């Protein structure tokens, strides 16, 4: 196990192997086996219609793996990968697996305030980016900042015009040693509650189970055509079941550059897409506009909705508006996944966020004292299992708070469980805002706000919103003249804060309400908002 990663206790590891959850295979088998079984079938389709067979994608990954080695990267090196939904993301992912180089999967929306600390925490030696985001943002400018701040990043590889950097590595294929199936294969990012996202190590075997079991419970097959509408680096779109789940059954994957209805509906019609996954705001948008768009969505069989709670009222409209079945998905990059089943009643599909994926998933629902609540009562969800991490990477102090002594992960989600095993999500215990599936750490944004010369104090809360689930409201106590929301967001952009973290609303108060122990009462702040909103 890589230094800084927390292994599963040996007795549990033996159990997971014996019960068949952990296979002695690496994630690369998803591509290599597919290339052997059906080399000439379509594996991957780009937004512009460019198609790659399984054999072509397999050979491309081999060339990239050889190029990585030729560039001096070695097994267990960490590299930061920040690519949009382009074919190069998929080929690079498998090339990195084959070279045993560990990708840290950043999202396209991340900026300096996330990327630099992630490079520092992971000790990344290389950075993979696209030339730009297609809307005017140049990632090469970000790379220049990263290289200046982080000397450990020795190389930057660019999809597109590399400028002074390097093109995506490629070389004639070479024989490479096999990876250890039980070793880390990649790092996902936590939603984060304070500061920089934590790094989540996922092993080959646990993530392989994650993808395969998710694909099975979602009814994926060789006939599945999966549209990657969300960022491919996100756990939901990558392996829950995502593109890796589709590949595990021999299905094909279609890449969407964005989840807008214009883009997604065109791809669904053109490529005869059968399933895709979105967050609630996107599902709402699609349902609102489908009647006004000339799109044939008749092949779409299943819409998976997750990332944030999907409320019952819009959930009930999916079938009549989009003409497909609904599957709610509630999970976390840290591991535990819950799915409504395809044969569940409509009531369960509409009103719950699903039941645990795996028979070996262990769930505890506890009160504020850590004691189990009565059946059916609400409490914080704790979990452990064969695909749930035992600790964040290089985060011993945080792990002491985030995990119980016997290895249960404290999710921070407040849930209640029905007799059927299905969960209903009722909120978050942790101090973060879930804005349409994007997790915004309140403390991080508060720290940025406090750097503004006119801000004396800051408190960030989520305000209820029908479309996004929550939007972000920044309360500030000012010194001198109060800044406008536009001025504050411009200041935050200059500090490299990602666009999705920018506050949607700014409220100026003379002082903050306090709890009995003298802390800012965010409950009272939220009441101010909900009171104003009726």
Protein backbone atom coordinates (compact mmCIF):
# COMPACT_ATOMS: atom_id res chain seq x y z
CA UNK A 1 0.00 0.00 0.00
CA UNK A 2 1.31 3.44 -0.96
CA UNK A 3 2.68 5.38 1.99
CA UNK A 4 -0.04 7.73 3.23
CA UNK A 5 -2.89 5.37 2.31
CA UNK A 6 -4.86 3.50 4.98
CA UNK A 7 -5.33 -0.23 4.24
CA UNK A 8 -8.33 -2.37 5.13
CA UNK A 9 -7.72 -4.62 8.15
CA UNK A 10 -6.44 -7.99 6.96
CA UNK A 11 -9.39 -9.92 8.39
CA UNK A 12 -11.83 -7.79 6.36
CA UNK A 13 -9.63 -7.98 3.27
CA UNK A 14 -9.64 -11.79 3.51
CA UNK A 15 -13.41 -11.77 3.89
CA UNK A 16 -13.95 -9.51 0.87
CA UNK A 17 -11.70 -11.73 -1.25
CA UNK A 18 -13.36 -14.93 -0.05
CA UNK A 19 -16.87 -13.58 -0.67
CA UNK A 20 -15.97 -12.51 -4.20
CA UNK A 21 -16.11 -8.75 -3.87
CA UNK A 22 -12.41 -8.34 -4.49
CA UNK A 23 -11.13 -10.01 -7.65
CA UNK A 24 -7.40 -10.29 -8.35
CA UNK A 25 -7.77 -8.10 -11.44
CA UNK A 26 -6.81 -4.54 -12.30
CA UNK A 27 -9.06 -1.86 -13.73
CA UNK A 28 -7.24 -2.19 -17.04
CA UNK A 29 -9.09 -5.48 -17.63
CA UNK A 30 -12.15 -3.41 -18.58
CA UNK A 31 -10.37 -2.27 -21.75
CA UNK A 32 -7.97 -5.13 -22.46
CA UNK A 33 -10.62 -7.84 -22.14
CA UNK A 34 -13.08 -5.87 -24.25
CA UNK A 35 -10.48 -5.43 -26.97
CA UNK A 36 -9.91 -9.19 -27.06
CA UNK A 37 -13.60 -10.11 -27.07
CA UNK A 38 -14.98 -7.60 -29.56
CA UNK A 39 -12.13 -5.61 -31.12
CA UNK A 40 -14.17 -4.14 -33.95
CA UNK A 41 -17.18 -2.94 -31.97
CA UNK A 42 -17.49 0.74 -31.06
CA UNK A 43 -16.11 1.48 -27.61
CA UNK A 44 -16.05 5.28 -27.56
CA UNK A 45 -17.70 8.13 -29.47
CA UNK A 46 -16.58 11.75 -29.27
CA UNK A 47 -19.01 14.65 -29.37
CA UNK A 48 -18.00 15.41 -32.95
CA UNK A 49 -18.84 11.85 -34.02
CA UNK A 50 -15.30 10.48 -34.09
CA UNK A 51 -15.49 6.79 -33.23
CA UNK A 52 -12.99 4.42 -31.65
CA UNK A 53 -13.24 0.65 -31.72
CA UNK A 54 -12.17 -1.37 -28.71
CA UNK A 55 -8.97 -2.35 -30.56
CA UNK A 56 -8.19 1.27 -31.46
CA UNK A 57 -8.76 2.51 -27.91
CA UNK A 58 -6.66 -0.35 -26.52
CA UNK A 59 -3.76 0.44 -28.86
CA UNK A 60 -4.00 4.15 -28.06
CA UNK A 61 -3.76 3.43 -24.33
CA UNK A 62 -0.69 1.25 -25.01
CA UNK A 63 1.01 4.10 -26.86
CA UNK A 64 0.24 6.58 -24.09
CA UNK A 65 1.53 4.18 -21.42
CA UNK A 66 4.79 3.80 -23.33
CA UNK A 67 4.98 7.57 -23.75
CA UNK A 68 4.54 8.09 -20.01
CA UNK A 69 7.43 5.75 -19.29
CA UNK A 70 9.58 7.41 -21.96
CA UNK A 71 8.83 10.78 -20.34
CA UNK A 72 10.39 9.52 -17.10
CA UNK A 73 7.23 8.78 -15.09
CA UNK A 74 7.51 5.75 -12.83
CA UNK A 75 5.16 3.51 -10.88
CA UNK A 76 3.36 5.27 -8.00
CA UNK A 77 4.17 8.75 -9.30
CA UNK A 78 1.17 11.00 -8.77
CA UNK A 79 -0.04 13.23 -11.60
CA UNK A 80 -2.89 15.72 -11.76
CA UNK A 81 -5.37 15.13 -14.58
CA UNK A 82 -7.76 17.96 -15.48
CA UNK A 83 -9.43 17.15 -18.78
CA UNK A 84 -12.93 17.69 -20.12
CA UNK A 85 -15.04 14.94 -21.69
CA UNK A 86 -12.76 14.17 -24.62
CA UNK A 87 -11.48 10.81 -25.90
CA UNK A 88 -8.02 11.65 -24.61
CA UNK A 89 -9.37 11.45 -21.04
CA UNK A 90 -10.34 7.80 -21.50
CA UNK A 91 -7.16 6.79 -23.36
CA UNK A 92 -4.97 8.60 -20.82
CA UNK A 93 -6.82 7.02 -17.89
CA UNK A 94 -6.05 3.52 -19.13
CA UNK A 95 -2.54 4.50 -20.18
CA UNK A 96 -1.85 5.71 -16.64
CA UNK A 97 -3.22 2.45 -15.22
CA UNK A 98 -0.89 0.45 -17.45
CA UNK A 99 2.13 2.55 -16.49
CA UNK A 100 1.07 2.33 -12.79
CA UNK A 101 1.12 6.14 -12.59
CA UNK A 102 -1.59 7.37 -10.22
CA UNK A 103 -3.98 10.03 -11.57
CA UNK A 104 -5.49 12.61 -9.24
CA UNK A 105 -8.75 13.37 -11.04
CA UNK A 106 -9.55 17.06 -10.84
CA UNK A 107 -12.70 18.58 -12.34
CA UNK A 108 -12.62 21.00 -15.29
CA UNK A 109 -14.17 23.71 -13.07
CA UNK A 110 -11.29 23.68 -10.59
CA UNK A 111 -8.97 26.64 -10.55
CA UNK A 112 -5.80 27.80 -8.80
CA UNK A 113 -7.22 27.65 -5.27
CA UNK A 114 -7.90 23.93 -5.71
CA UNK A 115 -5.22 22.81 -8.17
CA UNK A 116 -2.15 24.18 -6.38
CA UNK A 117 -3.02 22.62 -2.99
CA UNK A 118 -3.91 19.34 -4.70
CA UNK A 119 -0.51 19.28 -6.38
CA UNK A 120 1.12 19.99 -3.05
CA UNK A 121 -0.81 17.31 -1.17
CA UNK A 122 -0.28 14.64 -3.81
CA UNK A 123 3.29 15.71 -4.63
CA UNK A 124 2.25 15.59 -8.28
CA UNK A 125 5.14 15.45 -10.76
CA UNK A 126 3.06 16.17 -13.88
CA UNK A 127 -0.13 17.97 -14.89
CA UNK A 128 -2.43 16.99 -17.78
CA UNK A 129 -4.73 19.67 -19.18
CA UNK A 130 -6.68 20.67 -22.25
CA UNK A 131 -5.70 23.74 -24.22
CA UNK A 132 -8.89 25.52 -23.13
CA UNK A 133 -12.46 24.88 -22.03
CA UNK A 134 -14.04 25.87 -25.33
CA UNK A 135 -15.50 29.01 -23.77
CA UNK A 136 -12.44 31.20 -23.52
CA UNK A 137 -10.68 29.88 -20.41
CA UNK A 138 -7.07 28.92 -21.16
CA UNK A 139 -5.81 26.10 -18.93
CA UNK A 140 -2.25 26.81 -20.03
CA UNK A 141 -2.39 30.07 -18.05
CA UNK A 142 -3.44 28.04 -15.02
CA UNK A 143 -0.58 25.62 -15.68
CA UNK A 144 1.91 28.48 -15.70
CA UNK A 145 0.68 29.51 -12.27
CA UNK A 146 0.84 25.91 -11.02
CA UNK A 147 4.39 25.32 -12.26
CA UNK A 148 5.55 28.57 -10.68
CA UNK A 149 3.97 27.67 -7.34
CA UNK A 150 4.84 23.96 -7.35
CA UNK A 151 8.37 23.07 -8.50
CA UNK A 152 7.52 19.38 -8.05
CA UNK A 153 5.39 19.61 -11.21
CA UNK A 154 8.15 18.95 -13.72
CA UNK A 155 6.03 18.43 -16.83
CA UNK A 156 2.76 19.75 -18.24
CA UNK A 157 1.05 17.80 -21.02
CA UNK A 158 -1.62 19.47 -23.14
CA UNK A 159 -4.43 18.13 -25.30
CA UNK A 160 -4.44 20.66 -28.13
CA UNK A 161 -1.84 23.37 -28.74
CA UNK A 162 0.79 22.82 -26.01
CA UNK A 163 2.45 26.25 -26.39
CA UNK A 164 5.67 25.94 -24.33
CA UNK A 165 4.47 22.68 -22.75
CA UNK A 166 4.32 19.11 -24.09
CA UNK A 167 1.79 17.22 -26.20
CA UNK A 168 0.09 14.14 -24.81
CA UNK A 169 2.86 11.51 -24.51
CA UNK A 170 2.98 8.69 -27.04
CA UNK A 171 5.55 6.07 -28.04
CA UNK A 172 5.77 2.61 -29.54
CA UNK A 173 4.24 0.13 -27.10
CA UNK A 174 6.55 -1.64 -24.67
CA UNK A 175 6.11 -4.55 -22.28
CA UNK A 176 5.16 -3.22 -18.85
CA UNK A 177 4.96 -5.02 -15.50
CA UNK A 178 1.51 -5.88 -14.18
CA UNK A 179 0.04 -3.74 -11.42
CA UNK A 180 -0.93 -5.08 -8.00
CA UNK A 181 -4.76 -5.40 -8.02
CA UNK A 182 -4.90 -4.50 -4.33
CA UNK A 183 -2.82 -1.33 -4.66
CA UNK A 184 -4.17 2.19 -5.25
CA UNK A 185 -5.03 2.88 -8.89
CA UNK A 186 -6.28 6.47 -8.75
CA UNK A 187 -7.33 9.31 -6.47
CA UNK A 188 -10.79 10.84 -6.45
CA UNK A 189 -11.57 14.11 -4.71
CA UNK A 190 -13.85 14.47 -1.70
CA UNK A 191 -16.62 17.03 -1.71
CA UNK A 192 -14.65 18.62 1.11
CA UNK A 193 -16.01 20.43 4.15
CA UNK A 194 -12.99 22.54 5.01
CA UNK A 195 -10.46 23.90 2.57
CA UNK A 196 -8.93 21.79 -0.18
CA UNK A 197 -10.71 18.57 -1.18
CA UNK A 198 -9.25 15.46 0.43
CA UNK A 199 -7.72 12.74 -1.72
CA UNK A 200 -9.60 9.44 -1.85
CA UNK A 201 -7.41 6.48 -2.81
CA UNK A 202 -9.29 3.85 -4.80
CA UNK A 203 -7.64 0.49 -5.37
CA UNK A 204 -7.98 -1.46 -8.60
CA UNK A 205 -10.04 -4.17 -6.97
CA UNK A 206 -12.42 -2.01 -4.94
CA UNK A 207 -13.11 0.36 -7.84
CA UNK A 208 -13.54 -2.54 -10.23
CA UNK A 209 -16.22 -3.92 -7.92
CA UNK A 210 -17.72 -0.40 -7.71
CA UNK A 211 -18.11 -0.24 -11.51
CA UNK A 212 -19.19 -3.84 -12.15
CA UNK A 213 -21.75 -4.09 -9.34
CA UNK A 214 -23.21 -0.67 -10.22
CA UNK A 215 -23.55 -1.75 -13.85
CA UNK A 216 -25.31 -4.94 -12.82
CA UNK A 217 -27.84 -3.23 -10.55
CA UNK A 218 -28.48 -0.67 -13.30
CA UNK A 219 -29.20 -3.31 -15.95
CA UNK A 220 -26.22 -2.46 -18.19
CA UNK A 221 -25.40 -4.88 -21.01
CA UNK A 222 -23.47 -5.11 -24.26
CA UNK A 223 -26.33 -3.13 -25.84
CA UNK A 224 -25.93 -0.20 -23.42
CA UNK A 225 -25.03 3.14 -24.98
CA UNK A 226 -24.02 5.38 -22.08
CA UNK A 227 -23.86 9.16 -22.43
CA UNK A 228 -21.27 10.83 -20.20
CA UNK A 229 -23.11 14.09 -19.58
CA UNK A 230 -21.39 15.03 -16.31
CA UNK A 231 -17.60 15.51 -16.03
CA UNK A 232 -15.97 12.12 -16.63
CA UNK A 233 -13.63 12.68 -13.68
CA UNK A 234 -16.61 12.68 -11.31
CA UNK A 235 -17.24 9.39 -9.51
CA UNK A 236 -20.88 9.31 -10.67
CA UNK A 237 -19.98 9.58 -14.36
CA UNK A 238 -16.80 7.51 -14.09
CA UNK A 239 -17.77 4.35 -12.22
CA UNK A 240 -21.20 4.57 -10.55
CA UNK A 241 -21.73 2.89 -12.99
CA UNK A 242 -20.58 5.54 -15.45
CA UNK A 243 -18.26 4.96 -18.37
CA UNK A 244 -16.31 2.19 -16.60
CA UNK A 245 -19.55 0.39 -15.77
CA UNK A 246 -20.62 0.57 -19.41
CA UNK A 247 -17.25 -0.79 -20.51
CA UNK A 248 -17.50 -3.63 -17.99
CA UNK A 249 -20.48 -5.03 -19.91
CA UNK A 250 -19.12 -4.35 -23.39
CA UNK A 251 -21.38 -1.36 -23.96
CA UNK A 252 -20.32 1.81 -25.72
CA UNK A 253 -19.63 5.26 -24.31
CA UNK A 254 -20.59 8.63 -25.81
CA UNK A 255 -18.88 11.78 -24.53
CA UNK A 256 -20.84 15.03 -24.14
CA UNK A 257 -18.87 18.27 -23.72
CA UNK A 258 -21.63 19.63 -21.47
CA UNK A 259 -24.99 18.47 -20.08
CA UNK A 260 -27.14 21.14 -21.71
CA UNK A 261 -30.34 19.95 -23.33
CA UNK A 262 -29.15 21.17 -26.75
CA UNK A 263 -26.00 19.09 -26.55
CA UNK A 264 -27.34 16.03 -24.76
CA UNK A 265 -30.57 15.65 -26.75
CA UNK A 266 -28.68 15.84 -30.05
CA UNK A 267 -26.26 13.13 -28.91
CA UNK A 268 -29.04 10.93 -27.51
CA UNK A 269 -30.81 11.05 -30.88
CA UNK A 270 -27.69 10.67 -33.03
CA UNK A 271 -26.05 7.86 -31.07
CA UNK A 272 -29.22 6.09 -29.90
CA UNK A 273 -28.24 6.54 -26.26
CA UNK A 274 -29.98 4.21 -23.80
CA UNK A 275 -28.86 5.58 -20.42
CA UNK A 276 -27.27 8.66 -18.89
CA UNK A 277 -26.73 10.21 -15.47
CA UNK A 278 -27.31 13.79 -14.34
CA UNK A 279 -27.70 15.88 -11.20
CA UNK A 280 -31.17 17.18 -10.22
CA UNK A 281 -30.83 20.69 -11.74
CA UNK A 282 -30.02 19.17 -15.12
CA UNK A 283 -32.93 16.74 -14.88
CA UNK A 284 -35.24 19.66 -14.09
CA UNK A 285 -33.92 21.65 -17.03
CA UNK A 286 -34.34 18.75 -19.44
CA UNK A 287 -37.94 18.21 -18.32
CA UNK A 288 -38.72 21.91 -18.65
CA UNK A 289 -37.52 22.21 -22.25
CA UNK A 290 -38.16 18.80 -23.81
CA UNK A 291 -41.58 19.81 -25.15
CA UNK A 292 -40.04 22.75 -26.99
CA UNK A 293 -37.24 20.79 -28.66
CA UNK A 294 -37.41 18.64 -31.75
CA UNK A 295 -35.47 15.68 -30.40
CA UNK A 296 -36.05 11.95 -30.64
CA UNK A 297 -35.36 10.54 -27.16
CA UNK A 298 -37.16 7.25 -27.81
CA UNK A 299 -34.04 5.13 -27.24
CA UNK A 300 -33.46 6.55 -23.76
CA UNK A 301 -34.46 3.81 -21.33
CA UNK A 302 -33.03 5.02 -18.03
CA UNK A 303 -32.20 8.37 -16.45
CA UNK A 304 -30.01 8.12 -13.36
CA UNK A 305 -30.23 11.11 -11.03
CA UNK A 306 -27.83 11.66 -8.14
CA UNK A 307 -25.23 13.98 -6.68
CA UNK A 308 -27.90 15.70 -4.60
CA UNK A 309 -31.38 14.78 -3.42
CA UNK A 310 -33.99 14.60 -6.17
CA UNK A 311 -37.26 15.77 -4.66
CA UNK A 312 -40.37 13.61 -5.17
CA UNK A 313 -42.39 16.14 -7.20
CA UNK A 314 -39.94 16.39 -10.14
CA UNK A 315 -38.98 12.72 -9.75
CA UNK A 316 -42.59 11.80 -10.43
CA UNK A 317 -42.50 13.68 -13.75
CA UNK A 318 -39.51 11.92 -15.34
CA UNK A 319 -41.41 9.12 -17.06
CA UNK A 320 -44.17 11.30 -18.52
CA UNK A 321 -41.83 14.06 -19.72
CA UNK A 322 -38.72 12.17 -20.88
CA UNK A 323 -40.34 8.81 -21.58
CA UNK A 324 -37.83 6.75 -19.60
CA UNK A 325 -37.43 5.04 -16.26
CA UNK A 326 -35.87 6.82 -13.27
CA UNK A 327 -33.13 5.45 -11.05
CA UNK A 328 -32.13 7.49 -8.02
CA UNK A 329 -28.50 7.19 -6.97
CA UNK A 330 -27.14 8.36 -3.63
CA UNK A 331 -23.48 7.85 -2.98
CA UNK A 332 -20.10 9.32 -2.32
CA UNK A 333 -16.66 9.21 -3.90
CA UNK A 334 -15.51 7.76 -0.57
CA UNK A 335 -17.39 4.56 -1.41
CA UNK A 336 -20.94 3.67 -0.38
CA UNK A 337 -23.47 3.71 -3.23
CA UNK A 338 -27.25 3.35 -3.02
CA UNK A 339 -29.55 2.71 -5.96
CA UNK A 340 -33.25 2.37 -6.42
CA UNK A 341 -33.72 -0.96 -8.19
CA UNK A 342 -35.20 -1.26 -11.65
CA UNK A 343 -37.99 -3.45 -10.28
CA UNK A 344 -38.78 -1.20 -7.32
CA UNK A 345 -42.25 0.26 -7.01
CA UNK A 346 -42.80 3.71 -8.45
CA UNK A 347 -43.20 5.02 -4.92
CA UNK A 348 -39.72 3.84 -3.91
CA UNK A 349 -38.18 5.20 -7.13
CA UNK A 350 -39.79 8.59 -6.56
CA UNK A 351 -39.50 9.06 -2.80
CA UNK A 352 -36.22 7.37 -1.83
CA UNK A 353 -32.56 7.66 -2.76
CA UNK A 354 -32.03 3.92 -3.06
CA UNK A 355 -30.75 0.97 -1.05
CA UNK A 356 -27.11 -0.08 -0.52
CA UNK A 357 -25.37 -1.64 -3.53
CA UNK A 358 -23.53 -4.43 -1.76
CA UNK A 359 -24.63 -7.09 0.76
CA UNK A 360 -21.39 -6.37 2.65
CA UNK A 361 -22.15 -2.65 3.02
CA UNK A 362 -22.51 -1.95 6.74
CA UNK A 363 -24.64 1.03 7.75
CA UNK A 364 -25.13 2.70 11.09
CA UNK A 365 -27.51 5.63 11.64
CA UNK A 366 -26.58 7.49 14.80
CA UNK A 367 -27.57 10.52 16.84
CA UNK A 368 -25.31 13.41 17.83
CA UNK A 369 -23.83 11.32 20.64
CA UNK A 370 -22.93 8.53 18.23
CA UNK A 371 -25.63 6.19 19.51
CA UNK A 372 -27.85 4.24 17.10
CA UNK A 373 -31.26 5.82 16.53
CA UNK A 374 -34.49 3.84 16.65
CA UNK A 375 -35.52 2.14 13.39
CA UNK A 376 -37.00 4.69 10.99
CA UNK A 377 -35.57 7.69 12.87
CA UNK A 378 -33.23 10.26 11.32
CA UNK A 379 -29.53 10.37 12.11
CA UNK A 380 -26.07 10.64 10.62
CA UNK A 381 -25.08 7.87 8.23
CA UNK A 382 -21.93 5.91 9.09
CA UNK A 383 -20.69 3.19 6.77
CA UNK A 384 -17.94 0.73 5.96
CA UNK A 385 -17.60 -1.96 3.32
CA UNK A 386 -15.51 -3.48 0.51
CA UNK A 387 -15.42 -0.32 -1.61
CA UNK A 388 -15.53 2.37 1.11
CA UNK A 389 -12.19 3.91 2.03
CA UNK A 390 -10.56 3.45 5.41
CA UNK A 391 -8.86 6.84 5.39
CA UNK A 392 -8.07 9.83 3.21
CA UNK A 393 -4.58 10.09 1.74
CA UNK A 394 -2.00 11.75 4.01
CA UNK A 395 -4.68 13.09 6.36
CA UNK A 396 -4.11 11.41 9.72
CA UNK A 397 -5.54 14.26 11.78
CA UNK A 398 -8.66 14.53 9.66
CA UNK A 399 -9.08 10.75 9.57
CA UNK A 400 -9.21 10.66 13.37
CA UNK A 401 -12.40 12.75 13.14
CA UNK A 402 -13.84 11.30 9.95
CA UNK A 403 -13.73 7.64 11.01
CA UNK A 404 -14.78 5.73 14.08
CA UNK A 405 -12.29 3.56 15.93
CA UNK A 406 -13.70 0.50 14.20
CA UNK A 407 -13.42 1.99 10.72
CA UNK A 408 -16.87 3.39 9.97
CA UNK A 409 -16.78 6.48 7.75
CA UNK A 410 -18.79 9.41 9.10
CA UNK A 411 -20.56 10.58 5.95
CA UNK A 412 -22.13 13.73 7.41
CA UNK A 413 -25.38 12.86 5.61
CA UNK A 414 -28.57 12.83 7.67
CA UNK A 415 -30.79 9.96 6.56
CA UNK A 416 -33.53 7.65 7.68
CA UNK A 417 -33.89 4.06 6.54
CA UNK A 418 -37.12 2.32 5.58
CA UNK A 419 -37.81 -1.33 6.48
CA UNK A 420 -37.01 -2.16 2.83
CA UNK A 421 -33.46 -0.86 3.35
CA UNK A 422 -34.01 2.19 1.17
CA UNK A 423 -32.65 5.51 2.42
CA UNK A 424 -34.30 8.91 2.43
CA UNK A 425 -31.73 11.70 2.55
CA UNK A 426 -32.79 14.58 4.79
CA UNK A 427 -29.78 16.88 4.75
CA UNK A 428 -26.14 17.35 5.71
CA UNK A 429 -24.52 17.50 9.10
CA UNK A 430 -21.28 18.83 7.68
CA UNK A 431 -20.83 22.50 6.96
CA UNK A 432 -21.00 22.48 3.19
CA UNK A 433 -23.42 23.55 0.50
CA UNK A 434 -24.60 21.06 -2.12
CA UNK A 435 -25.23 23.29 -5.12
CA UNK A 436 -26.65 21.05 -7.82
CA UNK A 437 -24.31 18.22 -6.90
CA UNK A 438 -21.24 20.44 -6.52
CA UNK A 439 -20.03 20.44 -2.91
CA UNK A 440 -18.91 23.87 -1.66
CA UNK A 441 -16.97 23.96 1.64
CA UNK A 442 -18.35 26.90 3.62
CA UNK A 443 -15.15 27.45 5.57
CA UNK A 444 -13.04 27.65 2.42
CA UNK A 445 -15.26 30.31 0.86
CA UNK A 446 -15.41 32.20 4.16
CA UNK A 447 -11.61 32.33 4.27
CA UNK A 448 -11.50 33.81 0.77
CA UNK A 449 -14.15 36.38 1.70
CA UNK A 450 -12.21 37.41 4.80
CA UNK A 451 -9.32 38.39 2.55
CA UNK A 452 -11.48 41.14 1.00
CA UNK A 453 -10.39 44.50 2.44
CA UNK A 454 -14.00 45.55 3.16
CA UNK A 455 -15.04 42.31 4.90
CA UNK A 456 -14.74 42.11 8.67
CA UNK A 457 -16.46 38.77 9.14
CA UNK A 458 -18.11 36.23 6.85
CA UNK A 459 -20.47 33.29 7.16
CA UNK A 460 -21.57 31.17 4.21
CA UNK A 461 -24.77 29.12 4.21
CA UNK A 462 -26.91 27.23 1.74
CA UNK A 463 -30.30 28.64 0.89
CA UNK A 464 -33.04 26.31 -0.39
CA UNK A 465 -33.58 26.43 -4.13
CA UNK A 466 -36.05 24.46 -6.26
CA UNK A 467 -33.67 24.04 -9.18
CA UNK A 468 -30.21 23.64 -7.59
CA UNK A 469 -31.27 22.13 -4.28
CA UNK A 470 -29.20 24.81 -2.55
CA UNK A 471 -27.62 28.07 -3.62
CA UNK A 472 -24.87 29.89 -1.80
CA UNK A 473 -25.48 32.96 0.34
CA UNK A 474 -22.58 34.88 1.82
CA UNK A 475 -23.39 36.94 4.93
CA UNK A 476 -20.77 39.57 5.71
CA UNK A 477 -20.08 42.13 8.38
CA UNK A 478 -18.23 44.98 6.70
CA UNK A 479 -15.78 47.69 7.63
CA UNK A 480 -16.53 50.86 5.73
CA UNK A 481 -18.52 50.77 2.51
CA UNK A 482 -20.15 47.46 1.69
CA UNK A 483 -19.05 45.80 -1.58
CA UNK A 484 -21.60 44.65 -4.13
CA UNK A 485 -22.08 41.01 -5.09
CA UNK A 486 -20.45 41.74 -8.44
CA UNK A 487 -17.40 43.25 -6.73
CA UNK A 488 -17.13 40.30 -4.37
CA UNK A 489 -17.35 37.70 -7.13
CA UNK A 490 -14.74 39.57 -9.18
CA UNK A 491 -12.44 39.57 -6.14
CA UNK A 492 -12.96 35.83 -5.64
CA UNK A 493 -12.28 35.10 -9.31
CA UNK A 494 -9.00 36.97 -9.02
CA UNK A 495 -8.10 34.67 -6.13
CA UNK A 496 -8.63 31.64 -8.37
CA UNK A 497 -11.91 30.47 -6.83
CA UNK A 498 -13.86 28.09 -9.07
CA UNK A 499 -16.99 29.57 -10.65
CA UNK A 500 -19.36 27.10 -9.01
CA UNK A 501 -18.16 28.23 -5.56
CA UNK A 502 -18.99 31.89 -6.11
CA UNK A 503 -21.86 33.15 -3.90
CA UNK A 504 -25.24 33.55 -5.54
CA UNK A 505 -26.33 36.14 -2.99
CA UNK A 506 -24.66 38.62 -0.65
CA UNK A 507 -26.26 39.88 2.56
CA UNK A 508 -24.73 42.56 4.80
CA UNK A 509 -25.43 42.42 8.54
CA UNK A 510 -24.24 44.58 11.42
CA UNK A 511 -23.44 41.45 13.41
CA UNK A 512 -24.05 37.71 13.25
CA UNK A 513 -26.51 35.85 15.47
CA UNK A 514 -24.69 33.60 17.91
CA UNK A 515 -25.23 30.30 19.63
CA UNK A 516 -25.13 29.97 23.40
CA UNK A 517 -21.44 29.17 23.25
CA UNK A 518 -20.65 32.25 21.20
CA UNK A 519 -20.36 30.69 17.75
CA UNK A 520 -22.04 32.06 14.64
CA UNK A 521 -25.50 30.53 14.44
CA UNK A 522 -25.85 29.39 10.85
CA UNK A 523 -29.23 27.95 11.71
CA UNK A 524 -30.41 31.47 12.53
CA UNK A 525 -28.88 32.79 9.29
CA UNK A 526 -30.76 30.19 7.25
CA UNK A 527 -33.95 31.15 9.07
CA UNK A 528 -33.40 34.74 7.99
CA UNK A 529 -33.29 33.55 4.40
CA UNK A 530 -36.22 31.18 4.55
CA UNK A 531 -38.24 33.79 6.43
CA UNK A 532 -37.60 36.28 3.67
CA UNK A 533 -38.49 33.68 1.08
CA UNK A 534 -41.72 32.89 2.86
